[in-house]
Protein backbone atom coordinates (compact mmCIF):
# COMPACT_ATOMS: atom_id res chain seq x y z
CA UNK A 1 135.21 48.90 159.04
CA UNK A 2 138.49 48.54 157.13
CA UNK A 3 138.89 50.13 153.72
CA UNK A 4 139.24 47.72 150.81
CA UNK A 5 142.57 47.62 148.97
CA UNK A 6 143.75 46.24 145.63
CA UNK A 7 147.44 45.93 144.74
CA UNK A 8 148.28 45.76 141.03
CA UNK A 9 151.64 44.29 140.08
CA UNK A 10 151.63 42.42 143.37
CA UNK A 11 154.01 39.67 142.23
CA UNK A 12 157.04 41.99 142.09
CA UNK A 13 159.35 43.09 144.88
CA UNK A 14 157.63 46.44 145.40
CA UNK A 15 154.22 44.78 145.29
CA UNK A 16 155.33 42.18 147.79
CA UNK A 17 156.60 44.82 150.18
CA UNK A 18 153.33 46.72 149.87
CA UNK A 19 151.49 43.53 150.81
CA UNK A 20 153.78 42.84 153.77
CA UNK A 21 153.17 46.29 155.21
CA UNK A 22 149.47 46.38 154.39
CA UNK A 23 148.94 43.02 156.12
CA UNK A 24 149.69 44.76 159.43
CA UNK A 25 147.74 47.96 158.72
CA UNK A 26 144.77 48.29 161.09
CA UNK A 27 142.59 50.30 158.69
CA UNK A 28 143.38 48.79 155.29
CA UNK A 29 142.42 45.30 154.11
CA UNK A 30 143.95 43.74 151.00
CA UNK A 31 141.16 42.04 149.09
CA UNK A 32 142.54 41.84 145.56
CA UNK A 33 146.00 41.25 144.10
CA UNK A 34 146.80 41.29 140.39
CA UNK A 35 149.72 40.25 138.23
CA UNK A 36 150.57 39.64 134.59
CA UNK A 37 152.27 36.30 133.90
CA UNK A 38 151.42 35.00 137.38
CA UNK A 39 147.67 35.58 137.07
CA UNK A 40 145.76 32.53 138.29
CA UNK A 41 148.47 31.44 140.72
CA UNK A 42 148.14 31.58 144.52
CA UNK A 43 149.80 34.60 146.09
CA UNK A 44 151.99 32.41 148.30
CA UNK A 45 153.40 30.61 145.27
CA UNK A 46 155.38 33.81 144.66
CA UNK A 47 155.45 35.42 148.13
CA UNK A 48 155.73 32.41 150.38
CA UNK A 49 156.56 34.68 153.34
CA UNK A 50 153.10 36.30 153.30
CA UNK A 51 151.16 33.55 155.05
CA UNK A 52 148.49 35.90 156.38
CA UNK A 53 147.43 36.54 152.78
CA UNK A 54 147.48 32.89 151.70
CA UNK A 55 143.80 32.96 150.70
CA UNK A 56 144.48 35.38 147.81
CA UNK A 57 145.06 34.45 144.17
CA UNK A 58 146.59 36.72 141.53
CA UNK A 59 144.02 38.07 139.09
CA UNK A 60 144.46 39.81 135.75
CA UNK A 61 145.42 43.47 135.93
CA UNK A 62 142.40 45.23 134.45
CA UNK A 63 140.42 48.34 135.43
CA UNK A 64 137.39 46.13 136.00
CA UNK A 65 139.23 44.00 138.57
CA UNK A 66 140.68 47.03 140.35
CA UNK A 67 137.53 49.15 140.38
CA UNK A 68 135.26 48.94 143.41
CA UNK A 69 138.05 49.23 145.98
CA UNK A 70 138.60 52.19 148.27
CA UNK A 71 142.36 52.25 147.62
CA UNK A 72 144.37 50.94 144.66
CA UNK A 73 148.15 50.69 144.78
CA UNK A 74 149.84 50.38 141.38
CA UNK A 75 153.22 48.62 141.43
CA UNK A 76 153.49 48.33 137.67
CA UNK A 77 156.39 48.80 135.24
CA UNK A 78 156.97 52.36 134.08
CA UNK A 79 154.55 53.34 131.33
CA UNK A 80 151.81 50.94 132.44
CA UNK A 81 150.08 52.90 135.22
CA UNK A 82 148.71 55.80 133.20
CA UNK A 83 146.28 53.83 131.06
CA UNK A 84 144.96 51.77 133.99
CA UNK A 85 144.61 54.77 136.32
CA UNK A 86 142.68 56.79 133.75
CA UNK A 87 139.92 54.16 133.87
CA UNK A 88 139.52 54.04 137.65
CA UNK A 89 136.81 56.01 139.49
CA UNK A 90 137.70 59.57 140.49
CA UNK A 91 136.79 58.93 144.13
CA UNK A 92 139.16 55.95 144.45
CA UNK A 93 142.50 56.71 146.08
CA UNK A 94 145.06 55.59 143.51
CA UNK A 95 148.71 55.47 144.59
CA UNK A 96 151.19 54.93 141.76
CA UNK A 97 154.51 53.40 142.84
CA UNK A 98 155.77 53.66 139.26
CA UNK A 99 157.19 56.72 137.51
CA UNK A 100 154.25 57.61 135.25
CA UNK A 101 152.92 60.57 137.24
CA UNK A 102 155.98 61.92 139.09
CA UNK A 103 157.32 64.53 136.70
CA UNK A 104 155.75 67.95 136.20
CA UNK A 105 157.37 68.70 132.85
CA UNK A 106 156.24 66.63 129.87
CA UNK A 107 159.55 67.36 128.16
CA UNK A 108 161.46 65.75 131.05
CA UNK A 109 159.32 62.63 130.77
CA UNK A 110 159.79 62.41 127.03
CA UNK A 111 163.55 62.98 127.29
CA UNK A 112 164.11 60.24 129.88
CA UNK A 113 161.28 57.78 129.17
CA UNK A 114 160.55 58.36 125.50
CA UNK A 115 156.76 58.00 125.61
CA UNK A 116 153.74 60.25 126.03
CA UNK A 117 153.45 61.90 129.43
CA UNK A 118 150.50 60.67 131.55
CA UNK A 119 150.20 63.87 133.59
CA UNK A 120 151.29 64.93 137.05
CA UNK A 121 149.85 63.80 140.38
CA UNK A 122 150.54 65.10 143.91
CA UNK A 123 154.01 63.92 144.85
CA UNK A 124 154.21 61.42 147.69
CA UNK A 125 157.20 62.68 149.65
CA UNK A 126 155.56 64.22 152.75
CA UNK A 127 158.86 65.51 154.16
CA UNK A 128 159.86 67.41 151.00
CA UNK A 129 160.69 71.02 151.84
CA UNK A 130 158.80 73.65 149.86
CA UNK A 131 159.99 77.13 148.94
CA UNK A 132 157.43 78.85 151.16
CA UNK A 133 158.53 76.92 154.23
CA UNK A 134 155.77 74.32 154.05
CA UNK A 135 156.03 70.60 153.42
CA UNK A 136 154.69 68.44 150.64
CA UNK A 137 152.33 66.60 153.02
CA UNK A 138 149.89 69.51 152.75
CA UNK A 139 149.43 68.64 149.05
CA UNK A 140 148.47 65.08 149.97
CA UNK A 141 145.61 65.80 152.34
CA UNK A 142 142.40 64.51 150.75
CA UNK A 143 144.24 63.74 147.49
CA UNK A 144 142.80 60.93 145.36
CA UNK A 145 145.82 60.47 143.11
CA UNK A 146 149.39 60.19 144.47
CA UNK A 147 152.71 59.61 142.67
CA UNK A 148 155.26 57.77 144.82
CA UNK A 149 158.85 59.08 144.46
CA UNK A 150 161.68 57.07 142.97
CA UNK A 151 163.84 55.35 145.57
CA UNK A 152 167.12 57.00 144.51
CA UNK A 153 165.38 60.35 144.25
CA UNK A 154 164.11 59.95 147.80
CA UNK A 155 167.58 59.27 149.20
CA UNK A 156 169.35 62.08 147.34
CA UNK A 157 166.60 64.69 147.82
CA UNK A 158 166.26 64.18 151.56
CA UNK A 159 170.05 64.08 151.95
CA UNK A 160 170.86 67.44 150.32
CA UNK A 161 167.67 69.55 150.37
CA UNK A 162 168.20 71.20 153.79
CA UNK A 163 171.63 72.53 152.84
CA UNK A 164 170.57 73.62 149.37
CA UNK A 165 167.42 75.36 150.64
CA UNK A 166 169.40 77.15 153.35
CA UNK A 167 171.98 78.43 150.84
CA UNK A 168 174.79 76.51 152.52
CA UNK A 169 175.81 74.57 149.43
CA UNK A 170 176.22 75.45 145.77
CA UNK A 171 173.52 73.54 143.83
CA UNK A 172 175.59 73.79 140.65
CA UNK A 173 178.16 71.40 142.11
CA UNK A 174 176.13 68.53 143.56
CA UNK A 175 177.65 65.07 143.16
CA UNK A 176 176.16 61.84 144.41
CA UNK A 177 177.24 58.22 144.39
CA UNK A 178 174.73 55.61 145.48
CA UNK A 179 175.23 52.01 146.54
CA UNK A 180 171.95 50.33 145.53
CA UNK A 181 170.60 46.88 146.41
CA UNK A 182 169.66 44.56 143.56
CA UNK A 183 165.94 44.50 144.39
CA UNK A 184 165.80 48.03 142.98
CA UNK A 185 166.20 46.48 139.52
CA UNK A 186 162.99 44.50 139.90
CA UNK A 187 162.18 40.81 139.88
CA UNK A 188 162.41 40.12 136.14
CA UNK A 189 165.05 37.54 135.21
CA UNK A 190 168.13 39.26 133.79
CA UNK A 191 171.62 37.85 133.29
CA UNK A 192 173.17 40.91 134.93
CA UNK A 193 171.22 40.19 138.13
CA UNK A 194 172.31 36.57 138.53
CA UNK A 195 174.08 35.82 141.79
CA UNK A 196 177.19 34.82 139.84
CA UNK A 197 177.27 38.30 138.28
CA UNK A 198 176.47 40.29 141.43
CA UNK A 199 178.42 38.48 144.14
CA UNK A 200 181.77 40.06 144.85
CA UNK A 201 181.21 42.90 142.40
CA UNK A 202 179.99 46.51 142.25
CA UNK A 203 178.51 47.68 138.95
CA UNK A 204 177.76 51.30 137.97
CA UNK A 205 174.74 52.01 135.80
CA UNK A 206 172.85 55.04 134.48
CA UNK A 207 176.18 56.91 134.25
CA UNK A 208 176.69 60.26 132.55
CA UNK A 209 173.39 61.98 133.19
CA UNK A 210 171.19 59.21 131.82
CA UNK A 211 169.45 57.93 134.95
CA UNK A 212 165.71 58.56 135.03
CA UNK A 213 165.68 59.88 138.58
CA UNK A 214 167.80 62.92 137.63
CA UNK A 215 164.93 65.17 136.47
CA UNK A 216 162.91 64.12 139.50
CA UNK A 217 165.67 65.21 141.90
CA UNK A 218 166.06 68.55 140.10
CA UNK A 219 162.29 69.03 140.26
CA UNK A 220 162.30 68.35 144.01
CA UNK A 221 165.00 70.91 144.62
CA UNK A 222 163.13 73.48 142.53
CA UNK A 223 160.08 72.91 144.72
CA UNK A 224 162.33 73.61 147.69
CA UNK A 225 163.26 76.96 146.11
CA UNK A 226 166.63 75.87 144.73
CA UNK A 227 167.53 76.97 141.20
CA UNK A 228 170.55 76.31 139.02
CA UNK A 229 170.91 72.64 139.94
CA UNK A 230 173.72 70.74 138.23
CA UNK A 231 174.03 67.22 139.48
CA UNK A 232 176.50 64.44 138.73
CA UNK A 233 174.66 61.23 139.68
CA UNK A 234 176.20 57.74 139.71
CA UNK A 235 174.29 54.77 141.09
CA UNK A 236 176.21 51.54 141.69
CA UNK A 237 174.59 48.12 141.97
CA UNK A 238 176.11 46.26 144.93
CA UNK A 239 175.61 42.69 146.22
CA UNK A 240 172.91 43.34 148.82
CA UNK A 241 169.22 42.59 148.40
CA UNK A 242 167.79 45.82 149.79
CA UNK A 243 168.95 49.28 150.67
CA UNK A 244 170.43 52.50 149.29
CA UNK A 245 173.38 54.37 150.72
CA UNK A 246 173.53 57.77 149.01
CA UNK A 247 176.69 59.85 149.48
CA UNK A 248 175.83 63.36 148.32
CA UNK A 249 178.27 66.26 148.37
CA UNK A 250 178.29 69.87 147.21
CA UNK A 251 180.61 72.89 147.59
CA UNK A 252 180.23 74.72 150.88
CA UNK A 253 179.09 78.32 150.45
CA UNK A 254 180.84 80.73 152.81
CA UNK A 255 182.71 79.67 155.90
CA UNK A 256 179.98 78.02 157.97
CA UNK A 257 181.22 75.64 160.62
CA UNK A 258 180.39 71.95 160.65
CA UNK A 259 178.13 72.59 163.64
CA UNK A 260 176.21 75.30 161.77
CA UNK A 261 175.83 73.03 158.76
CA UNK A 262 174.50 70.15 160.87
CA UNK A 263 172.06 72.52 162.56
CA UNK A 264 170.37 73.18 159.19
CA UNK A 265 169.58 69.47 158.83
CA UNK A 266 168.55 69.12 162.47
CA UNK A 267 166.20 72.08 162.17
CA UNK A 268 164.75 70.94 158.84
CA UNK A 269 163.85 67.48 160.09
CA UNK A 270 163.22 68.10 163.78
CA UNK A 271 159.53 67.24 163.50
CA UNK A 272 159.83 64.40 160.98
CA UNK A 273 159.15 61.04 162.65
CA UNK A 274 160.81 58.96 159.95
CA UNK A 275 164.01 61.00 159.52
CA UNK A 276 166.89 60.60 161.98
CA UNK A 277 170.05 62.75 161.86
CA UNK A 278 173.02 60.83 163.23
CA UNK A 279 175.35 62.27 165.86
CA UNK A 280 178.25 64.44 164.70
CA UNK A 281 180.99 62.31 163.16
CA UNK A 282 178.70 59.30 162.73
CA UNK A 283 177.22 58.09 159.46
CA UNK A 284 174.42 55.66 158.67
CA UNK A 285 174.41 52.07 157.47
CA UNK A 286 171.82 50.44 155.26
CA UNK A 287 171.57 47.54 157.74
CA UNK A 288 169.92 49.86 160.27
CA UNK A 289 166.97 50.82 158.05
CA UNK A 290 166.12 47.50 156.36
CA UNK A 291 162.43 46.72 156.79
CA UNK A 292 161.61 50.20 158.07
CA UNK A 293 160.23 53.47 156.77
CA UNK A 294 163.15 55.37 158.27
CA UNK A 295 165.74 57.62 156.68
CA UNK A 296 169.06 57.94 158.51
CA UNK A 297 171.22 60.91 157.48
CA UNK A 298 174.72 61.82 158.54
CA UNK A 299 176.11 65.28 157.74
CA UNK A 300 179.64 66.61 157.85
CA UNK A 301 182.04 69.07 156.23
CA UNK A 302 185.14 68.05 154.29
CA UNK A 303 187.17 71.14 155.15
CA UNK A 304 190.09 70.26 152.90
CA UNK A 305 187.81 69.97 149.87
CA UNK A 306 185.43 72.73 150.96
CA UNK A 307 182.42 70.47 150.54
CA UNK A 308 179.43 69.42 152.59
CA UNK A 309 178.91 65.67 152.68
CA UNK A 310 175.47 64.23 153.46
CA UNK A 311 174.99 60.46 153.56
CA UNK A 312 171.50 58.97 153.59
CA UNK A 313 170.47 55.36 154.14
CA UNK A 314 167.03 54.03 153.22
CA UNK A 315 165.41 50.70 152.43
CA UNK A 316 164.66 51.04 148.72
CA UNK A 317 161.57 48.83 149.06
CA UNK A 318 160.49 50.50 152.32
CA UNK A 319 160.81 54.28 152.48
CA UNK A 320 161.98 54.13 148.87
CA UNK A 321 158.70 52.67 147.60
CA UNK A 322 156.08 50.79 149.64
CA UNK A 323 156.55 52.69 152.88
CA UNK A 324 156.27 56.05 151.13
CA UNK A 325 153.14 54.83 149.35
CA UNK A 326 151.43 53.85 152.58
CA UNK A 327 152.64 56.94 154.46
CA UNK A 328 151.19 59.15 151.73
CA UNK A 329 147.96 57.15 151.61
CA UNK A 330 147.60 57.56 155.38
CA UNK A 331 147.75 61.34 154.97
CA UNK A 332 145.27 61.37 152.10
CA UNK A 333 142.83 59.21 154.07
CA UNK A 334 143.09 61.31 157.24
CA UNK A 335 144.87 58.60 159.26
CA UNK A 336 147.89 59.05 161.50
CA UNK A 337 150.82 59.36 159.11
CA UNK A 338 152.75 56.60 160.90
CA UNK A 339 149.93 54.05 160.92
CA UNK A 340 151.15 50.60 159.90
CA UNK A 341 154.76 51.78 159.48
CA UNK A 342 157.80 51.24 161.64
CA UNK A 343 160.82 53.41 162.39
CA UNK A 344 162.69 50.29 163.54
CA UNK A 345 164.91 48.32 161.21
CA UNK A 346 165.77 44.61 161.29
CA UNK A 347 168.97 43.32 162.86
CA UNK A 348 171.23 41.52 162.30
């Protein structure tokens, strides 16, 4: 018998992607969807592409509506998950796609979000390298609370962690520039997200150490055994609906060859089904990962600058949010980690 699922915040882009993936999951059945301003409307009035879920209607987002399900996915704005989650049964698997439970340090949360910290849950990046040589997936087995990583944090962390953990790059000199699709800004109507504003333009945001994913990336690298992280991080909104292309570079330590550098990434991710390292001299495109749970990473050495360059492509709604949520839930529930998820992107 399938496990029952509720998705809170199901009218947004992340919620819609969760529903699209869950609709094909053989062990999970979506029975309840909730929203705020769209409560009372049919699901397909917002997500007309989800015809297999046409019988569902958005309900109010309350603990009473969400309780009684085996699994609850929270796709709520930052700061809204903590209060709801605290009122759900302890034996319910609750997967938070928002930021409320990602950070370990309350001071980091307060510095970047400005509200009271809701506590820390097991972090839903199964492939994250740990200092003792393990992987984060071991922390997810049988978990009943999971915090899904931020999409930018996922791209940058997976791009640079192998080199930083292996001592091949100087963590005090990490710089990243990310091209980010507009769906990462959410579905709320904003003038800056109008087609007339986005089309034909690239717009930086969160510049100068202000982006909320910065402490999360530093935390991930600490978990991988990397100290002394200094990171210049610049995301750029570009006119594509989905996807992140993260170009991450750091000073090369020593005189390792490009082949030796690539071998660190190949070794780190050799057993990871959703991470693909491109051939030498080739670099990924966001078009190749759209609709998938895959991460494509290209690695090279800029010899003239003495820097390692790692470029990662993910679908911000897939591996960046909904895919990671389902992958982590699979582990917690004892299912095959890849169940209901695809390594194949959509083309053209």
